[in-house]
Every structure is written in structure tokens, then in C-alpha cells.
């Protein structure tokens, strides 16, 4: 086997403060990032993976996304609603998972996934 884990995902973000706030609402926490010569932020989700936000305009959304596993999608959506975040669409893949798709302030798509 070549790889044993996902280290990080990088996303472009056109406005860093709203992007950081959005991902904090999902459970990410920002941590120190070295000066790389451009705006950005590094965030972690429970120390188990990283999200690197890059201060550049995002590409057009054509289906690319990443998914976050949740235990209870209804509870997650209720909590996010209190923070002004609502899904763009929801669905279920029968026998596999329930899904809710969100858009961050830059238009990047994030899936919440509850395995069945």
C-alpha cells in the first residue's frame, strides 16, 4: 500500500474570515500556519485530518466536494441552522448513507454523510 491516510485537503477561499468561520461551525479548528507568501489558513478536525484554505479564487463548482462523516445528520443540520448554515440539497443512497450538501462562502461544496 502506498498511502495510509488522507493528510489534508486544500480548497481555495476568496475571503478568509468567512471561510474560517464556516469551517469552525463544522467542527474544524484553526492552527498556526507558516508564512507561505499568500493568504490562507490551516485547520484540523479533531486532530485527525487537515483542511488547508488557500487565498485564491475557487474554480467553478462542477461536482467536486469532500465529505465529512456525521453520526446524526438531522442533529448536525439542526445545529448548523442555528449558525445560519443550511443545505443546498439532501438525499439518501438506499442502504448506504444519508447526505446533505452545503456550500461554503466561496462556493466550495461539502457533504455531510451519515452511513446507514
N, C-alpha and C. Protein backbone atom coordinates (compact mmCIF):
# COMPACT_ATOMS: atom_id res chain seq x y z
N UNK A 1 0.84 -1.18 0.00
CA UNK A 1 0.00 0.00 0.00
C UNK A 1 0.89 1.24 0.00
N UNK A 2 0.53 2.20 -0.83
CA UNK A 2 1.30 3.43 -0.92
C UNK A 2 0.88 4.42 0.16
N UNK A 3 -0.42 4.67 0.28
CA UNK A 3 -0.93 5.65 1.25
C UNK A 3 -1.62 4.95 2.41
N UNK A 4 -1.63 5.62 3.58
CA UNK A 4 -2.31 5.02 4.73
C UNK A 4 -3.32 5.96 5.38
N UNK A 5 -3.43 7.20 4.88
CA UNK A 5 -4.41 8.14 5.42
C UNK A 5 -4.45 9.37 4.52
N UNK A 6 -5.53 10.13 4.62
CA UNK A 6 -5.58 11.43 3.97
C UNK A 6 -4.96 12.43 4.93
N UNK A 7 -3.94 13.13 4.49
CA UNK A 7 -3.27 14.11 5.35
C UNK A 7 -4.04 15.42 5.38
N UNK A 8 -4.34 15.97 4.18
CA UNK A 8 -5.10 17.21 4.14
C UNK A 8 -5.81 17.36 2.80
N UNK A 9 -6.78 18.23 2.81
CA UNK A 9 -7.50 18.66 1.62
C UNK A 9 -7.25 20.15 1.50
N UNK A 10 -6.97 20.63 0.30
CA UNK A 10 -6.79 22.07 0.06
C UNK A 10 -7.95 22.60 -0.75
N UNK A 11 -8.46 23.75 -0.31
CA UNK A 11 -9.54 24.43 -1.02
C UNK A 11 -9.19 25.89 -1.18
N UNK A 12 -9.54 26.45 -2.31
CA UNK A 12 -9.38 27.89 -2.49
C UNK A 12 -10.53 28.61 -1.80
N UNK A 13 -10.21 29.73 -1.20
CA UNK A 13 -11.21 30.54 -0.50
C UNK A 13 -10.97 32.00 -0.85
N UNK A 14 -12.00 32.66 -1.38
CA UNK A 14 -11.82 34.03 -1.84
C UNK A 14 -11.82 35.05 -0.70
N UNK A 15 -12.39 34.71 0.45
CA UNK A 15 -12.43 35.62 1.61
C UNK A 15 -12.19 34.78 2.86
N UNK A 16 -11.03 34.93 3.44
CA UNK A 16 -10.60 34.02 4.50
C UNK A 16 -11.46 34.07 5.77
N UNK A 17 -11.78 35.24 6.36
CA UNK A 17 -12.54 35.22 7.62
C UNK A 17 -13.88 34.47 7.53
N UNK A 18 -14.71 34.71 6.51
CA UNK A 18 -15.96 33.93 6.44
C UNK A 18 -15.72 32.44 6.22
N UNK A 19 -14.68 32.11 5.47
CA UNK A 19 -14.37 30.69 5.24
C UNK A 19 -13.98 30.01 6.55
N UNK A 20 -13.13 30.66 7.33
CA UNK A 20 -12.72 30.10 8.62
C UNK A 20 -13.93 29.93 9.52
N UNK A 21 -14.79 30.92 9.57
CA UNK A 21 -15.99 30.85 10.41
C UNK A 21 -16.89 29.68 9.98
N UNK A 22 -17.07 29.49 8.69
CA UNK A 22 -17.88 28.39 8.17
C UNK A 22 -17.33 27.05 8.63
N UNK A 23 -16.03 26.84 8.43
CA UNK A 23 -15.44 25.55 8.79
C UNK A 23 -15.35 25.35 10.30
N UNK A 24 -15.24 26.43 11.06
CA UNK A 24 -15.33 26.30 12.52
C UNK A 24 -16.72 25.80 12.92
N UNK A 25 -17.76 26.26 12.23
CA UNK A 25 -19.12 25.80 12.52
C UNK A 25 -19.26 24.29 12.26
N UNK A 26 -18.45 23.76 11.35
CA UNK A 26 -18.47 22.32 11.06
C UNK A 26 -17.62 21.51 12.04
N UNK A 27 -16.86 22.20 12.88
CA UNK A 27 -16.05 21.50 13.88
C UNK A 27 -14.55 21.63 13.70
N UNK A 28 -14.10 22.29 12.64
CA UNK A 28 -12.66 22.49 12.42
C UNK A 28 -12.13 23.57 13.36
N UNK A 29 -10.86 23.48 13.68
CA UNK A 29 -10.19 24.49 14.49
C UNK A 29 -8.93 24.93 13.77
N UNK A 30 -8.73 26.25 13.74
CA UNK A 30 -7.55 26.79 13.07
C UNK A 30 -6.31 26.56 13.93
N UNK A 31 -5.19 26.31 13.27
CA UNK A 31 -3.91 26.22 13.98
C UNK A 31 -2.86 26.97 13.17
N UNK A 32 -1.71 27.17 13.78
CA UNK A 32 -0.66 28.02 13.20
C UNK A 32 -0.22 27.50 11.83
N UNK A 33 -0.12 28.44 10.92
CA UNK A 33 0.32 28.16 9.55
C UNK A 33 1.57 28.98 9.27
N UNK A 34 2.57 28.38 8.64
CA UNK A 34 3.76 29.17 8.31
C UNK A 34 3.44 30.20 7.22
N UNK A 35 4.28 31.20 7.10
CA UNK A 35 4.11 32.19 6.04
C UNK A 35 4.53 31.55 4.73
N UNK A 36 3.55 31.35 3.86
CA UNK A 36 3.81 30.72 2.58
C UNK A 36 3.81 31.73 1.43
N UNK A 37 3.70 33.01 1.76
CA UNK A 37 3.73 34.03 0.74
C UNK A 37 2.38 34.35 0.13
N UNK A 38 1.32 33.76 0.64
CA UNK A 38 -0.03 34.07 0.20
C UNK A 38 -0.98 33.82 1.37
N UNK A 39 -2.16 34.42 1.30
CA UNK A 39 -3.15 34.31 2.36
C UNK A 39 -3.65 32.87 2.46
N UNK A 40 -3.98 32.47 3.66
CA UNK A 40 -4.51 31.12 3.85
C UNK A 40 -4.69 30.80 5.31
N UNK A 41 -5.19 29.61 5.56
CA UNK A 41 -5.39 29.12 6.93
C UNK A 41 -5.29 27.61 6.92
N UNK A 42 -4.75 27.08 8.01
CA UNK A 42 -4.72 25.64 8.21
C UNK A 42 -5.65 25.32 9.35
N UNK A 43 -6.47 24.28 9.16
CA UNK A 43 -7.46 23.89 10.16
C UNK A 43 -7.39 22.37 10.34
N UNK A 44 -7.83 21.91 11.51
CA UNK A 44 -7.85 20.48 11.77
C UNK A 44 -9.23 20.08 12.30
N UNK A 45 -9.58 18.84 12.06
CA UNK A 45 -10.83 18.28 12.56
C UNK A 45 -10.47 17.20 13.57
N UNK A 46 -10.54 17.55 14.84
CA UNK A 46 -10.22 16.61 15.92
C UNK A 46 -8.82 16.01 15.79
N UNK A 47 -7.89 16.73 15.20
CA UNK A 47 -6.53 16.24 15.06
C UNK A 47 -6.40 15.05 14.13
N UNK A 48 -7.44 14.75 13.36
CA UNK A 48 -7.42 13.55 12.52
C UNK A 48 -7.28 13.85 11.03
N UNK A 49 -7.19 15.07 10.67
CA UNK A 49 -7.05 15.45 9.28
C UNK A 49 -7.02 16.96 9.20
N UNK A 50 -6.53 17.46 8.10
CA UNK A 50 -6.38 18.90 7.97
C UNK A 50 -7.11 19.42 6.74
N UNK A 51 -7.52 20.67 6.84
CA UNK A 51 -8.08 21.43 5.74
C UNK A 51 -7.17 22.64 5.57
N UNK A 52 -6.63 22.81 4.37
CA UNK A 52 -5.79 23.96 4.08
C UNK A 52 -6.58 24.88 3.16
N UNK A 53 -6.89 26.07 3.66
CA UNK A 53 -7.58 27.07 2.87
C UNK A 53 -6.54 27.95 2.20
N UNK A 54 -6.68 28.13 0.90
CA UNK A 54 -5.73 28.90 0.11
C UNK A 54 -6.41 30.17 -0.38
N UNK A 55 -5.77 31.30 -0.20
CA UNK A 55 -6.36 32.59 -0.52
C UNK A 55 -6.35 32.91 -2.01
N UNK A 56 -7.07 32.11 -2.76
CA UNK A 56 -7.20 32.30 -4.21
C UNK A 56 -8.66 32.08 -4.60
N UNK A 57 -9.10 32.63 -5.74
CA UNK A 57 -10.47 32.38 -6.18
C UNK A 57 -10.69 30.89 -6.45
N UNK A 58 -11.83 30.37 -6.03
CA UNK A 58 -12.10 28.95 -6.27
C UNK A 58 -12.44 28.68 -7.73
N UNK A 59 -12.17 27.47 -8.19
CA UNK A 59 -12.58 27.10 -9.54
C UNK A 59 -14.11 26.91 -9.59
N UNK A 60 -14.64 26.87 -10.79
CA UNK A 60 -16.07 26.61 -10.94
C UNK A 60 -16.44 25.28 -10.31
N UNK A 61 -17.57 25.25 -9.62
CA UNK A 61 -18.05 24.02 -8.98
C UNK A 61 -18.74 23.16 -10.04
N UNK A 62 -18.21 21.98 -10.24
CA UNK A 62 -18.79 21.04 -11.21
C UNK A 62 -18.94 19.66 -10.59
N UNK A 63 -19.19 19.63 -9.29
CA UNK A 63 -19.39 18.35 -8.61
C UNK A 63 -18.30 17.99 -7.61
N UNK A 64 -17.12 18.63 -7.70
CA UNK A 64 -16.07 18.29 -6.74
C UNK A 64 -16.49 18.71 -5.34
N UNK A 65 -16.17 17.86 -4.38
CA UNK A 65 -16.52 18.12 -2.98
C UNK A 65 -15.72 17.18 -2.11
N UNK A 66 -15.79 17.41 -0.80
CA UNK A 66 -15.28 16.41 0.14
C UNK A 66 -16.39 16.16 1.14
N UNK A 67 -16.34 15.00 1.80
CA UNK A 67 -17.41 14.59 2.70
C UNK A 67 -16.90 14.44 4.12
N UNK A 68 -17.75 14.86 5.05
CA UNK A 68 -17.49 14.71 6.48
C UNK A 68 -18.51 13.72 7.04
N UNK A 69 -18.04 12.73 7.74
CA UNK A 69 -18.94 11.75 8.34
C UNK A 69 -19.55 12.31 9.61
N UNK A 70 -20.86 12.12 9.76
CA UNK A 70 -21.58 12.54 10.96
C UNK A 70 -22.35 11.35 11.52
N UNK A 71 -22.59 11.36 12.83
CA UNK A 71 -23.36 10.29 13.46
C UNK A 71 -24.85 10.46 13.25
N UNK A 72 -25.32 11.72 13.26
CA UNK A 72 -26.75 12.01 13.16
C UNK A 72 -26.91 13.25 12.28
N UNK A 73 -27.29 13.03 11.05
CA UNK A 73 -27.35 14.14 10.09
C UNK A 73 -28.42 15.16 10.48
N UNK A 74 -29.53 14.70 11.06
CA UNK A 74 -30.58 15.64 11.47
C UNK A 74 -30.08 16.55 12.57
N UNK A 75 -29.40 16.00 13.56
CA UNK A 75 -28.85 16.81 14.64
C UNK A 75 -27.80 17.78 14.11
N UNK A 76 -26.97 17.31 13.18
CA UNK A 76 -25.94 18.19 12.60
C UNK A 76 -26.58 19.35 11.86
N UNK A 77 -27.61 19.07 11.06
CA UNK A 77 -28.28 20.13 10.31
C UNK A 77 -29.00 21.10 11.23
N UNK A 78 -29.59 20.59 12.31
CA UNK A 78 -30.24 21.48 13.29
C UNK A 78 -29.23 22.41 13.94
N UNK A 79 -28.08 21.88 14.30
CA UNK A 79 -27.04 22.71 14.92
C UNK A 79 -26.53 23.76 13.93
N UNK A 80 -26.30 23.36 12.68
CA UNK A 80 -25.82 24.30 11.68
C UNK A 80 -26.86 25.38 11.38
N UNK A 81 -28.14 25.02 11.43
CA UNK A 81 -29.20 26.01 11.19
C UNK A 81 -29.13 27.14 12.20
N UNK A 82 -28.74 26.84 13.45
CA UNK A 82 -28.63 27.88 14.46
C UNK A 82 -27.49 28.84 14.15
N UNK A 83 -26.59 28.43 13.24
CA UNK A 83 -25.45 29.26 12.83
C UNK A 83 -25.67 29.84 11.44
N UNK A 84 -26.90 29.71 10.94
CA UNK A 84 -27.22 30.29 9.64
C UNK A 84 -26.76 29.49 8.45
N UNK A 85 -26.45 28.22 8.65
CA UNK A 85 -25.98 27.36 7.56
C UNK A 85 -27.05 26.32 7.25
N UNK A 86 -27.45 26.26 5.98
CA UNK A 86 -28.46 25.28 5.58
C UNK A 86 -27.99 24.54 4.34
N UNK A 87 -28.48 23.33 4.14
CA UNK A 87 -28.04 22.54 2.99
C UNK A 87 -28.63 23.06 1.68
N UNK A 88 -27.89 22.84 0.61
CA UNK A 88 -28.40 23.16 -0.72
C UNK A 88 -29.24 22.00 -1.25
N UNK A 89 -28.95 20.79 -0.78
CA UNK A 89 -29.74 19.61 -1.15
C UNK A 89 -29.43 18.49 -0.17
N UNK A 90 -30.38 17.60 -0.03
CA UNK A 90 -30.23 16.42 0.82
C UNK A 90 -30.67 15.20 0.03
N UNK A 91 -30.26 14.04 0.49
CA UNK A 91 -30.67 12.82 -0.18
C UNK A 91 -30.23 11.60 0.58
N UNK A 92 -30.53 10.46 -0.01
CA UNK A 92 -30.16 9.18 0.58
C UNK A 92 -29.79 8.22 -0.54
N UNK A 93 -28.70 7.50 -0.32
CA UNK A 93 -28.36 6.38 -1.19
C UNK A 93 -28.80 5.15 -0.42
N UNK A 94 -29.87 4.53 -0.88
CA UNK A 94 -30.54 3.46 -0.14
C UNK A 94 -29.55 2.40 0.33
N UNK A 95 -29.62 2.15 1.64
CA UNK A 95 -28.78 1.12 2.25
C UNK A 95 -27.34 1.54 2.46
N UNK A 96 -26.96 2.75 2.06
CA UNK A 96 -25.56 3.18 2.17
C UNK A 96 -25.41 4.39 3.09
N UNK A 97 -26.11 5.49 2.78
CA UNK A 97 -25.90 6.71 3.56
C UNK A 97 -27.01 7.73 3.32
N UNK A 98 -27.12 8.65 4.26
CA UNK A 98 -27.91 9.88 4.09
C UNK A 98 -26.90 10.99 3.86
N UNK A 99 -27.27 11.97 3.02
CA UNK A 99 -26.35 13.03 2.64
C UNK A 99 -27.02 14.39 2.74
N UNK A 100 -26.21 15.39 3.05
CA UNK A 100 -26.62 16.79 2.96
C UNK A 100 -25.44 17.55 2.38
N UNK A 101 -25.72 18.39 1.40
CA UNK A 101 -24.66 19.15 0.76
C UNK A 101 -24.77 20.62 1.15
N UNK A 102 -23.62 21.20 1.48
CA UNK A 102 -23.52 22.60 1.91
C UNK A 102 -22.57 23.31 0.95
N UNK A 103 -22.67 24.63 0.89
CA UNK A 103 -21.70 25.44 0.15
C UNK A 103 -21.04 26.40 1.12
N UNK A 104 -19.70 26.43 1.08
CA UNK A 104 -19.00 27.40 1.93
C UNK A 104 -19.13 28.79 1.32
N UNK A 105 -18.67 29.84 1.99
CA UNK A 105 -18.85 31.20 1.47
C UNK A 105 -18.20 31.44 0.11
N UNK A 106 -17.24 30.60 -0.28
CA UNK A 106 -16.59 30.75 -1.59
C UNK A 106 -17.24 29.88 -2.66
N UNK A 107 -18.22 29.07 -2.27
CA UNK A 107 -18.92 28.22 -3.23
C UNK A 107 -18.43 26.78 -3.28
N UNK A 108 -17.44 26.43 -2.45
CA UNK A 108 -16.98 25.04 -2.40
C UNK A 108 -18.06 24.17 -1.76
N UNK A 109 -18.24 22.96 -2.29
CA UNK A 109 -19.26 22.07 -1.77
C UNK A 109 -18.68 21.10 -0.74
N UNK A 110 -19.42 20.92 0.35
CA UNK A 110 -19.06 19.99 1.41
C UNK A 110 -20.25 19.09 1.66
N UNK A 111 -20.01 17.81 1.74
CA UNK A 111 -21.06 16.84 2.02
C UNK A 111 -21.00 16.40 3.47
N UNK A 112 -22.14 16.35 4.12
CA UNK A 112 -22.27 15.67 5.40
C UNK A 112 -22.82 14.28 5.08
N UNK A 113 -22.20 13.25 5.61
CA UNK A 113 -22.54 11.88 5.26
C UNK A 113 -22.79 11.07 6.51
N UNK A 114 -23.99 10.51 6.63
CA UNK A 114 -24.34 9.62 7.74
C UNK A 114 -24.48 8.21 7.19
N UNK A 115 -23.50 7.33 7.46
CA UNK A 115 -23.61 5.95 6.98
C UNK A 115 -24.85 5.28 7.59
N UNK A 116 -25.48 4.42 6.81
CA UNK A 116 -26.64 3.66 7.30
C UNK A 116 -26.20 2.28 7.73
